[in-house]
Amino acid sequence: MFVIRLITSITIVLSCTFIGYYLANKYNKRYVNLVKLQSCIQLLETEIVYCSTPLPEALENVYNKCDKSVSFVFKDLKDLLIANRNLNVYEAFSQQIENLSKRLYLDFQDIETLMSLGRVLGISDTDDQQKHFKLVLMQLKNCQKDAELKKQVNEKLFKNLGILTGLAIVILLF
């Protein structure tokens, strides 16, 4: 009987700990993805502003040169634009919203920042686009600071909460 209680207790504590670490990891992933997104957008800015690369080709280059865990967004965007030539960049970004929030752990504010880039990308001159790139990068930097702050606070909280919840359940059961 003691062995069954011990195995059950260990299983409960480990399960709750795993759940706590899983929830804490979401904050870390958001922060990392925002950093990677910034580098992707900087590369996109270079491709469009300085190299005068056409948008579909620039999106493909960003996908090829950046981390695939984030740059898939640009490949999907390029594929959408090529498959449906009636779409503008904003409409293509709009179709990607659900994909962004699920796969990249982004908040509403992060997605809205990317959408603001989609509103102006490809419809203005190079100087205007460069200003918008700078604005979006500055906004993403602010989102990154927010994500880092939330990560520092909540990551430790969820890890400890998972362990302590498991221990509390074991104490209450036995």
N, C-alpha and C. Protein backbone atom coordinates (compact mmCIF):
# COMPACT_ATOMS: atom_id res chain seq x y z
N MET A 1 0.82 -1.19 0.00
CA MET A 1 0.00 0.00 0.00
C MET A 1 0.86 1.26 0.00
N PHE A 2 1.95 1.22 0.75
CA PHE A 2 2.85 2.38 0.81
C PHE A 2 3.47 2.66 -0.55
N VAL A 3 3.83 1.60 -1.27
CA VAL A 3 4.46 1.77 -2.59
C VAL A 3 3.49 2.43 -3.56
N ILE A 4 2.23 2.05 -3.50
CA ILE A 4 1.23 2.65 -4.39
C ILE A 4 1.07 4.14 -4.08
N ARG A 5 1.02 4.49 -2.80
CA ARG A 5 0.93 5.90 -2.40
C ARG A 5 2.16 6.68 -2.86
N LEU A 6 3.31 6.08 -2.70
CA LEU A 6 4.55 6.75 -3.10
C LEU A 6 4.58 6.99 -4.61
N ILE A 7 4.23 5.98 -5.38
CA ILE A 7 4.22 6.12 -6.85
C ILE A 7 3.18 7.15 -7.27
N THR A 8 2.00 7.12 -6.66
CA THR A 8 0.95 8.09 -6.97
C THR A 8 1.40 9.51 -6.62
N SER A 9 2.03 9.66 -5.47
CA SER A 9 2.51 10.98 -5.04
C SER A 9 3.56 11.52 -6.00
N ILE A 10 4.50 10.69 -6.37
CA ILE A 10 5.56 11.11 -7.30
C ILE A 10 4.95 11.48 -8.65
N THR A 11 3.99 10.69 -9.11
CA THR A 11 3.34 10.97 -10.39
C THR A 11 2.59 12.30 -10.35
N ILE A 12 1.89 12.57 -9.27
CA ILE A 12 1.14 13.82 -9.14
C ILE A 12 2.09 15.01 -9.12
N VAL A 13 3.14 14.93 -8.32
CA VAL A 13 4.10 16.04 -8.23
C VAL A 13 4.78 16.27 -9.58
N LEU A 14 5.20 15.21 -10.24
CA LEU A 14 5.86 15.36 -11.54
C LEU A 14 4.91 15.91 -12.60
N SER A 15 3.66 15.47 -12.58
CA SER A 15 2.68 15.97 -13.55
C SER A 15 2.43 17.46 -13.35
N CYS A 16 2.22 17.87 -12.13
CA CYS A 16 1.98 19.29 -11.86
C CYS A 16 3.22 20.13 -12.17
N THR A 17 4.39 19.58 -11.88
CA THR A 17 5.63 20.28 -12.21
C THR A 17 5.77 20.45 -13.71
N PHE A 18 5.45 19.41 -14.46
CA PHE A 18 5.52 19.49 -15.92
C PHE A 18 4.56 20.55 -16.45
N ILE A 19 3.35 20.59 -15.92
CA ILE A 19 2.37 21.60 -16.35
C ILE A 19 2.89 23.00 -16.05
N GLY A 20 3.46 23.19 -14.87
CA GLY A 20 4.03 24.49 -14.51
C GLY A 20 5.15 24.91 -15.44
N TYR A 21 6.04 23.99 -15.76
CA TYR A 21 7.14 24.29 -16.68
C TYR A 21 6.64 24.56 -18.09
N TYR A 22 5.59 23.84 -18.50
CA TYR A 22 5.01 24.07 -19.82
C TYR A 22 4.43 25.48 -19.92
N LEU A 23 3.67 25.88 -18.91
CA LEU A 23 3.09 27.22 -18.91
C LEU A 23 4.17 28.30 -18.83
N ALA A 24 5.23 28.05 -18.07
CA ALA A 24 6.32 29.01 -17.97
C ALA A 24 7.07 29.14 -19.29
N ASN A 25 7.15 28.06 -20.03
CA ASN A 25 7.89 28.07 -21.29
C ASN A 25 7.23 28.96 -22.35
N LYS A 26 5.93 29.16 -22.25
CA LYS A 26 5.23 30.03 -23.21
C LYS A 26 5.78 31.46 -23.15
N TYR A 27 6.11 31.93 -21.97
CA TYR A 27 6.65 33.28 -21.83
C TYR A 27 8.03 33.38 -22.46
N ASN A 28 8.82 32.35 -22.29
CA ASN A 28 10.15 32.34 -22.89
C ASN A 28 10.06 32.28 -24.42
N LYS A 29 9.13 31.47 -24.93
CA LYS A 29 8.99 31.35 -26.38
C LYS A 29 8.53 32.66 -27.01
N ARG A 30 7.65 33.38 -26.34
CA ARG A 30 7.21 34.67 -26.88
C ARG A 30 8.40 35.62 -26.99
N TYR A 31 9.21 35.68 -25.95
CA TYR A 31 10.37 36.57 -25.96
C TYR A 31 11.34 36.20 -27.09
N VAL A 32 11.66 34.92 -27.20
CA VAL A 32 12.59 34.46 -28.23
C VAL A 32 12.03 34.72 -29.63
N ASN A 33 10.75 34.48 -29.82
CA ASN A 33 10.15 34.71 -31.14
C ASN A 33 10.13 36.19 -31.51
N LEU A 34 9.94 37.06 -30.54
CA LEU A 34 9.99 38.50 -30.84
C LEU A 34 11.39 38.93 -31.27
N VAL A 35 12.40 38.38 -30.63
CA VAL A 35 13.78 38.70 -31.02
C VAL A 35 14.04 38.22 -32.45
N LYS A 36 13.60 37.02 -32.76
CA LYS A 36 13.81 36.47 -34.10
C LYS A 36 13.00 37.24 -35.15
N LEU A 37 11.79 37.66 -34.79
CA LEU A 37 10.97 38.45 -35.71
C LEU A 37 11.63 39.78 -36.04
N GLN A 38 12.27 40.38 -35.05
CA GLN A 38 12.97 41.64 -35.30
C GLN A 38 14.07 41.46 -36.33
N SER A 39 14.82 40.39 -36.21
CA SER A 39 15.90 40.17 -37.19
C SER A 39 15.32 39.90 -38.58
N CYS A 40 14.19 39.21 -38.64
CA CYS A 40 13.53 38.97 -39.93
C CYS A 40 13.08 40.28 -40.57
N ILE A 41 12.49 41.14 -39.77
CA ILE A 41 12.00 42.41 -40.30
C ILE A 41 13.16 43.32 -40.70
N GLN A 42 14.26 43.27 -39.96
CA GLN A 42 15.43 44.05 -40.36
C GLN A 42 15.97 43.56 -41.70
N LEU A 43 15.97 42.26 -41.90
CA LEU A 43 16.42 41.72 -43.18
C LEU A 43 15.45 42.10 -44.29
N LEU A 44 14.16 42.06 -44.01
CA LEU A 44 13.16 42.46 -45.00
C LEU A 44 13.35 43.93 -45.37
N GLU A 45 13.63 44.75 -44.38
CA GLU A 45 13.90 46.17 -44.64
C GLU A 45 15.11 46.34 -45.55
N THR A 46 16.16 45.60 -45.29
CA THR A 46 17.36 45.67 -46.12
C THR A 46 17.05 45.24 -47.55
N GLU A 47 16.31 44.16 -47.69
CA GLU A 47 15.97 43.65 -49.01
C GLU A 47 15.14 44.66 -49.81
N ILE A 48 14.18 45.29 -49.15
CA ILE A 48 13.27 46.19 -49.86
C ILE A 48 13.88 47.58 -50.06
N VAL A 49 14.43 48.15 -48.99
CA VAL A 49 14.89 49.54 -49.05
C VAL A 49 16.23 49.67 -49.76
N TYR A 50 17.19 48.84 -49.41
CA TYR A 50 18.54 49.02 -49.94
C TYR A 50 18.82 48.20 -51.20
N CYS A 51 18.24 47.02 -51.29
CA CYS A 51 18.49 46.17 -52.46
C CYS A 51 17.41 46.32 -53.53
N SER A 52 16.32 47.00 -53.20
CA SER A 52 15.19 47.19 -54.12
C SER A 52 14.67 45.86 -54.68
N THR A 53 14.63 44.86 -53.83
CA THR A 53 14.14 43.54 -54.22
C THR A 53 12.61 43.57 -54.25
N PRO A 54 11.98 42.98 -55.26
CA PRO A 54 10.51 42.89 -55.27
C PRO A 54 10.01 42.13 -54.04
N LEU A 55 8.82 42.48 -53.59
CA LEU A 55 8.30 41.94 -52.33
C LEU A 55 8.27 40.42 -52.26
N PRO A 56 7.74 39.70 -53.25
CA PRO A 56 7.73 38.23 -53.13
C PRO A 56 9.13 37.63 -53.01
N GLU A 57 10.06 38.18 -53.76
CA GLU A 57 11.44 37.68 -53.69
C GLU A 57 12.07 38.05 -52.35
N ALA A 58 11.78 39.24 -51.84
CA ALA A 58 12.30 39.66 -50.54
C ALA A 58 11.76 38.76 -49.43
N LEU A 59 10.47 38.41 -49.51
CA LEU A 59 9.89 37.51 -48.51
C LEU A 59 10.53 36.14 -48.56
N GLU A 60 10.81 35.65 -49.76
CA GLU A 60 11.49 34.35 -49.93
C GLU A 60 12.90 34.40 -49.35
N ASN A 61 13.61 35.51 -49.58
CA ASN A 61 14.97 35.66 -49.05
C ASN A 61 14.97 35.69 -47.52
N VAL A 62 13.99 36.36 -46.94
CA VAL A 62 13.88 36.39 -45.48
C VAL A 62 13.66 34.98 -44.95
N TYR A 63 12.79 34.24 -45.62
CA TYR A 63 12.54 32.86 -45.20
C TYR A 63 13.82 32.02 -45.27
N ASN A 64 14.57 32.17 -46.32
CA ASN A 64 15.77 31.35 -46.51
C ASN A 64 16.91 31.73 -45.57
N LYS A 65 17.02 33.00 -45.20
CA LYS A 65 18.17 33.47 -44.43
C LYS A 65 17.94 33.51 -42.92
N CYS A 66 16.69 33.51 -42.50
CA CYS A 66 16.40 33.63 -41.07
C CYS A 66 16.01 32.28 -40.48
N ASP A 67 15.84 32.29 -39.17
CA ASP A 67 15.46 31.08 -38.43
C ASP A 67 14.08 30.62 -38.88
N LYS A 68 13.99 29.38 -39.30
CA LYS A 68 12.75 28.83 -39.87
C LYS A 68 11.62 28.76 -38.85
N SER A 69 11.95 28.76 -37.57
CA SER A 69 10.89 28.69 -36.56
C SER A 69 10.02 29.95 -36.56
N VAL A 70 10.52 31.04 -37.13
CA VAL A 70 9.77 32.28 -37.22
C VAL A 70 9.55 32.70 -38.67
N SER A 71 10.53 32.47 -39.51
CA SER A 71 10.48 33.00 -40.88
C SER A 71 9.47 32.27 -41.77
N PHE A 72 8.89 31.19 -41.28
CA PHE A 72 7.84 30.51 -42.05
C PHE A 72 6.70 31.47 -42.36
N VAL A 73 6.52 32.47 -41.52
CA VAL A 73 5.46 33.47 -41.72
C VAL A 73 5.65 34.17 -43.06
N PHE A 74 6.88 34.51 -43.37
CA PHE A 74 7.17 35.24 -44.60
C PHE A 74 7.02 34.35 -45.83
N LYS A 75 7.35 33.08 -45.68
CA LYS A 75 7.15 32.13 -46.78
C LYS A 75 5.66 31.94 -47.05
N ASP A 76 4.89 31.76 -45.98
CA ASP A 76 3.44 31.61 -46.13
C ASP A 76 2.82 32.86 -46.74
N LEU A 77 3.32 34.01 -46.33
CA LEU A 77 2.83 35.28 -46.86
C LEU A 77 3.13 35.39 -48.36
N LYS A 78 4.33 35.01 -48.74
CA LYS A 78 4.71 35.03 -50.16
C LYS A 78 3.83 34.08 -50.96
N ASP A 79 3.63 32.89 -50.44
CA ASP A 79 2.79 31.90 -51.13
C ASP A 79 1.36 32.40 -51.30
N LEU A 80 0.83 33.06 -50.26
CA LEU A 80 -0.52 33.62 -50.35
C LEU A 80 -0.60 34.72 -51.41
N LEU A 81 0.40 35.58 -51.43
CA LEU A 81 0.40 36.68 -52.40
C LEU A 81 0.51 36.18 -53.83
N ILE A 82 1.31 35.14 -54.04
CA ILE A 82 1.48 34.60 -55.39
C ILE A 82 0.24 33.81 -55.81
N ALA A 83 -0.33 33.05 -54.88
CA ALA A 83 -1.50 32.23 -55.21
C ALA A 83 -2.73 33.08 -55.52
N ASN A 84 -2.87 34.18 -54.83
CA ASN A 84 -4.02 35.05 -55.03
C ASN A 84 -3.53 36.47 -55.28
N ARG A 85 -3.38 36.82 -56.51
CA ARG A 85 -2.82 38.13 -56.88
C ARG A 85 -3.74 39.30 -56.54
N ASN A 86 -4.99 39.03 -56.18
CA ASN A 86 -5.92 40.10 -55.81
C ASN A 86 -5.72 40.56 -54.36
N LEU A 87 -4.99 39.78 -53.58
CA LEU A 87 -4.75 40.14 -52.18
C LEU A 87 -3.67 41.20 -52.09
N ASN A 88 -3.87 42.15 -51.17
CA ASN A 88 -2.76 43.03 -50.84
C ASN A 88 -2.06 42.44 -49.61
N VAL A 89 -0.98 43.05 -49.19
CA VAL A 89 -0.17 42.49 -48.10
C VAL A 89 -0.97 42.45 -46.80
N TYR A 90 -1.76 43.47 -46.54
CA TYR A 90 -2.54 43.52 -45.31
C TYR A 90 -3.55 42.36 -45.25
N GLU A 91 -4.22 42.10 -46.36
CA GLU A 91 -5.19 41.00 -46.39
C GLU A 91 -4.50 39.65 -46.21
N ALA A 92 -3.30 39.53 -46.78
CA ALA A 92 -2.54 38.28 -46.61
C ALA A 92 -2.11 38.12 -45.15
N PHE A 93 -1.68 39.22 -44.52
CA PHE A 93 -1.34 39.17 -43.09
C PHE A 93 -2.57 38.81 -42.27
N SER A 94 -3.72 39.35 -42.64
CA SER A 94 -4.96 39.07 -41.91
C SER A 94 -5.29 37.58 -41.92
N GLN A 95 -5.01 36.93 -43.04
CA GLN A 95 -5.27 35.50 -43.12
C GLN A 95 -4.27 34.68 -42.30
N GLN A 96 -3.16 35.29 -41.93
CA GLN A 96 -2.13 34.60 -41.17
C GLN A 96 -2.27 34.77 -39.65
N ILE A 97 -3.21 35.59 -39.21
CA ILE A 97 -3.31 35.93 -37.78
C ILE A 97 -3.43 34.70 -36.90
N GLU A 98 -4.32 33.81 -37.24
CA GLU A 98 -4.54 32.62 -36.40
C GLU A 98 -3.28 31.76 -36.35
N ASN A 99 -2.61 31.64 -37.48
CA ASN A 99 -1.37 30.88 -37.57
C ASN A 99 -0.29 31.52 -36.69
N LEU A 100 -0.23 32.85 -36.69
CA LEU A 100 0.78 33.56 -35.89
C LEU A 100 0.56 33.34 -34.40
N SER A 101 -0.67 33.50 -33.95
CA SER A 101 -0.92 33.41 -32.52
C SER A 101 -0.74 31.99 -31.99
N LYS A 102 -1.02 30.98 -32.81
CA LYS A 102 -0.88 29.59 -32.35
C LYS A 102 0.57 29.12 -32.36
N ARG A 103 1.28 29.41 -33.42
CA ARG A 103 2.62 28.83 -33.58
C ARG A 103 3.74 29.67 -32.98
N LEU A 104 3.49 30.96 -32.75
CA LEU A 104 4.56 31.82 -32.26
C LEU A 104 4.32 32.37 -30.85
N TYR A 105 3.21 32.04 -30.22
CA TYR A 105 2.90 32.50 -28.87
C TYR A 105 2.92 34.02 -28.76
N LEU A 106 2.43 34.71 -29.78
CA LEU A 106 2.43 36.16 -29.77
C LEU A 106 1.15 36.69 -29.14
N ASP A 107 1.26 37.85 -28.50
CA ASP A 107 0.11 38.53 -27.93
C ASP A 107 -0.60 39.34 -29.01
N PHE A 108 -1.76 39.87 -28.65
CA PHE A 108 -2.52 40.70 -29.58
C PHE A 108 -1.71 41.92 -30.02
N GLN A 109 -1.01 42.54 -29.08
CA GLN A 109 -0.21 43.73 -29.39
C GLN A 109 0.90 43.40 -30.39
N ASP A 110 1.53 42.25 -30.24
CA ASP A 110 2.59 41.84 -31.17
C ASP A 110 2.03 41.66 -32.58
N ILE A 111 0.90 41.00 -32.66
CA ILE A 111 0.27 40.74 -33.96
C ILE A 111 -0.20 42.05 -34.59
N GLU A 112 -0.73 42.94 -33.77
CA GLU A 112 -1.18 44.23 -34.29
C GLU A 112 0.00 45.04 -34.84
N THR A 113 1.15 44.92 -34.22
CA THR A 113 2.35 45.59 -34.73
C THR A 113 2.72 45.05 -36.10
N LEU A 114 2.67 43.74 -36.27
CA LEU A 114 2.95 43.15 -37.58
C LEU A 114 1.89 43.55 -38.60
N MET A 115 0.65 43.64 -38.16
CA MET A 115 -0.42 44.05 -39.07
C MET A 115 -0.21 45.49 -39.55
N SER A 116 0.32 46.34 -38.68
CA SER A 116 0.57 47.72 -39.10
C SER A 116 1.62 47.78 -40.20
N LEU A 117 2.57 46.85 -40.17
CA LEU A 117 3.55 46.77 -41.26
C LEU A 117 2.86 46.30 -42.54
N GLY A 118 1.95 45.36 -42.42
CA GLY A 118 1.23 44.85 -43.58
C GLY A 118 0.36 45.90 -44.25
N ARG A 119 -0.11 46.88 -43.47
CA ARG A 119 -0.96 47.92 -44.04
C ARG A 119 -0.20 48.82 -45.01
N VAL A 120 1.09 49.00 -44.81
CA VAL A 120 1.84 49.96 -45.63
C VAL A 120 2.85 49.30 -46.57
N LEU A 121 3.10 48.03 -46.37
CA LEU A 121 4.13 47.35 -47.16
C LEU A 121 3.69 47.20 -48.61
N GLY A 122 4.48 47.72 -49.50
CA GLY A 122 4.22 47.58 -50.92
C GLY A 122 3.30 48.62 -51.53
N ILE A 123 2.82 49.58 -50.73
CA ILE A 123 1.92 50.59 -51.30
C ILE A 123 2.48 52.01 -51.22
N SER A 124 3.69 52.15 -50.74
CA SER A 124 4.28 53.48 -50.64
C SER A 124 5.70 53.46 -51.19
N ASP A 125 6.32 54.63 -51.23
CA ASP A 125 7.67 54.69 -51.76
C ASP A 125 8.68 54.17 -50.74
N THR A 126 9.91 54.06 -51.16
CA THR A 126 10.96 53.45 -50.35
C THR A 126 11.22 54.22 -49.06
N ASP A 127 11.25 55.55 -49.13
CA ASP A 127 11.51 56.35 -47.93
C ASP A 127 10.40 56.17 -46.90
N ASP A 128 9.17 56.17 -47.36
CA ASP A 128 8.04 55.99 -46.46
C ASP A 128 8.06 54.59 -45.84
N GLN A 129 8.39 53.60 -46.63
CA GLN A 129 8.47 52.23 -46.10
C GLN A 129 9.58 52.11 -45.07
N GLN A 130 10.69 52.81 -45.31
CA GLN A 130 11.79 52.75 -44.36
C GLN A 130 11.35 53.33 -43.01
N LYS A 131 10.58 54.42 -43.04
CA LYS A 131 10.07 55.00 -41.80
C LYS A 131 9.15 54.01 -41.07
N HIS A 132 8.32 53.33 -41.84
CA HIS A 132 7.42 52.35 -41.23
C HIS A 132 8.18 51.15 -40.66
N PHE A 133 9.24 50.73 -41.35
CA PHE A 133 10.07 49.65 -40.81
C PHE A 133 10.68 50.06 -39.47
N LYS A 134 11.19 51.29 -39.40
CA LYS A 134 11.79 51.78 -38.15
C LYS A 134 10.75 51.81 -37.03
N LEU A 135 9.55 52.27 -37.37
CA LEU A 135 8.48 52.34 -36.38
C LEU A 135 8.10 50.94 -35.88
N VAL A 136 7.95 50.00 -36.80
CA VAL A 136 7.58 48.63 -36.42
C VAL A 136 8.68 48.00 -35.58
N LEU A 137 9.94 48.22 -35.96
CA LEU A 137 11.04 47.66 -35.17
C LEU A 137 11.08 48.26 -33.77
N MET A 138 10.77 49.56 -33.66
CA MET A 138 10.73 50.20 -32.34
C MET A 138 9.58 49.61 -31.51
N GLN A 139 8.42 49.41 -32.14
CA GLN A 139 7.29 48.82 -31.43
C GLN A 139 7.59 47.38 -31.01
N LEU A 140 8.25 46.62 -31.88
CA LEU A 140 8.61 45.25 -31.52
C LEU A 140 9.64 45.23 -30.39
N LYS A 141 10.52 46.23 -30.36
CA LYS A 141 11.48 46.33 -29.27
C LYS A 141 10.74 46.57 -27.95
N ASN A 142 9.70 47.40 -27.98
CA ASN A 142 8.89 47.62 -26.78
C ASN A 142 8.15 46.35 -26.37
N CYS A 143 7.62 45.63 -27.36
CA CYS A 143 6.96 44.36 -27.07
C CYS A 143 7.96 43.36 -26.48
N GLN A 144 9.19 43.41 -26.98
CA GLN A 144 10.23 42.51 -26.47
C GLN A 144 10.54 42.83 -25.01
N LYS A 145 10.62 44.12 -24.67
CA LYS A 145 10.86 44.51 -23.28
C LYS A 145 9.72 44.05 -22.39
N ASP A 146 8.49 44.20 -22.88
CA ASP A 146 7.32 43.74 -22.14
C ASP A 146 7.37 42.22 -21.95
N ALA A 147 7.73 41.51 -23.01
CA ALA A 147 7.81 40.05 -22.94
C ALA A 147 8.90 39.61 -21.96
N GLU A 148 10.01 40.34 -21.95
CA GLU A 148 11.10 40.00 -21.03
C GLU A 148 10.67 40.21 -19.58
N LEU A 149 9.96 41.30 -19.34
CA LEU A 149 9.47 41.58 -18.00
C LEU A 149 8.47 40.51 -17.55
N LYS A 150 7.52 40.17 -18.42
CA LYS A 150 6.54 39.13 -18.09
C LYS A 150 7.22 37.78 -17.91
N LYS A 151 8.25 37.54 -18.71
CA LYS A 151 8.98 36.27 -18.60
C LYS A 151 9.66 36.17 -17.23
N GLN A 152 10.32 37.26 -16.81
CA GLN A 152 11.02 37.24 -15.53
C GLN A 152 10.06 37.00 -14.37
N VAL A 153 8.90 37.62 -14.44
CA VAL A 153 7.94 37.50 -13.34
C VAL A 153 7.21 36.16 -13.39
N ASN A 154 6.64 35.84 -14.54
CA ASN A 154 5.73 34.70 -14.63
C ASN A 154 6.42 33.35 -14.79
N GLU A 155 7.61 33.34 -15.37
CA GLU A 155 8.29 32.06 -15.56
C GLU A 155 8.58 31.40 -14.22
N LYS A 156 9.15 32.15 -13.32
CA LYS A 156 9.46 31.62 -11.99
C LYS A 156 8.17 31.28 -11.23
N LEU A 157 7.17 32.13 -11.39
CA LEU A 157 5.89 31.91 -10.72
C LEU A 157 5.26 30.58 -11.13
N PHE A 158 5.17 30.32 -12.43
CA PHE A 158 4.52 29.10 -12.90
C PHE A 158 5.33 27.85 -12.56
N LYS A 159 6.64 27.95 -12.60
CA LYS A 159 7.47 26.80 -12.23
C LYS A 159 7.23 26.44 -10.76
N ASN A 160 7.30 27.45 -9.90
CA ASN A 160 7.09 27.19 -8.47
C ASN A 160 5.65 26.78 -8.18
N LEU A 161 4.71 27.40 -8.87
CA LEU A 161 3.31 27.06 -8.67
C LEU A 161 3.01 25.62 -9.06
N GLY A 162 3.64 25.14 -10.11
CA GLY A 162 3.45 23.75 -10.53
C GLY A 162 3.93 22.78 -9.47
N ILE A 163 5.12 23.02 -8.97
CA ILE A 163 5.69 22.14 -7.94
C ILE A 163 4.84 22.20 -6.66
N LEU A 164 4.52 23.41 -6.23
CA LEU A 164 3.77 23.57 -4.98
C LEU A 164 2.35 23.02 -5.09
N THR A 165 1.73 23.15 -6.25
CA THR A 165 0.39 22.59 -6.44
C THR A 165 0.45 21.07 -6.34
N GLY A 166 1.45 20.47 -6.95
CA GLY A 166 1.61 19.02 -6.86
C GLY A 166 1.80 18.57 -5.42
N LEU A 167 2.64 19.28 -4.68
CA LEU A 167 2.86 18.93 -3.27
C LEU A 167 1.59 19.13 -2.45
N ALA A 168 0.84 20.19 -2.72
CA ALA A 168 -0.40 20.44 -1.98
C ALA A 168 -1.43 19.34 -2.25
N ILE A 169 -1.53 18.91 -3.49
CA ILE A 169 -2.47 17.83 -3.82
C ILE A 169 -2.08 16.55 -3.09
N VAL A 170 -0.79 16.25 -3.07
CA VAL A 170 -0.32 15.04 -2.39
C VAL A 170 -0.61 15.12 -0.90
N ILE A 171 -0.37 16.27 -0.29
CA ILE A 171 -0.63 16.43 1.14
C ILE A 171 -2.13 16.29 1.44
N LEU A 172 -2.96 16.87 0.58
CA LEU A 172 -4.41 16.78 0.80
C LEU A 172 -4.94 15.36 0.62
N LEU A 173 -4.36 14.63 -0.32
CA LEU A 173 -4.82 13.26 -0.58
C LEU A 173 -4.36 12.28 0.49
N PHE A 174 -3.19 12.49 1.00
CA PHE A 174 -2.63 11.50 1.93
C PHE A 174 -2.45 12.16 3.26
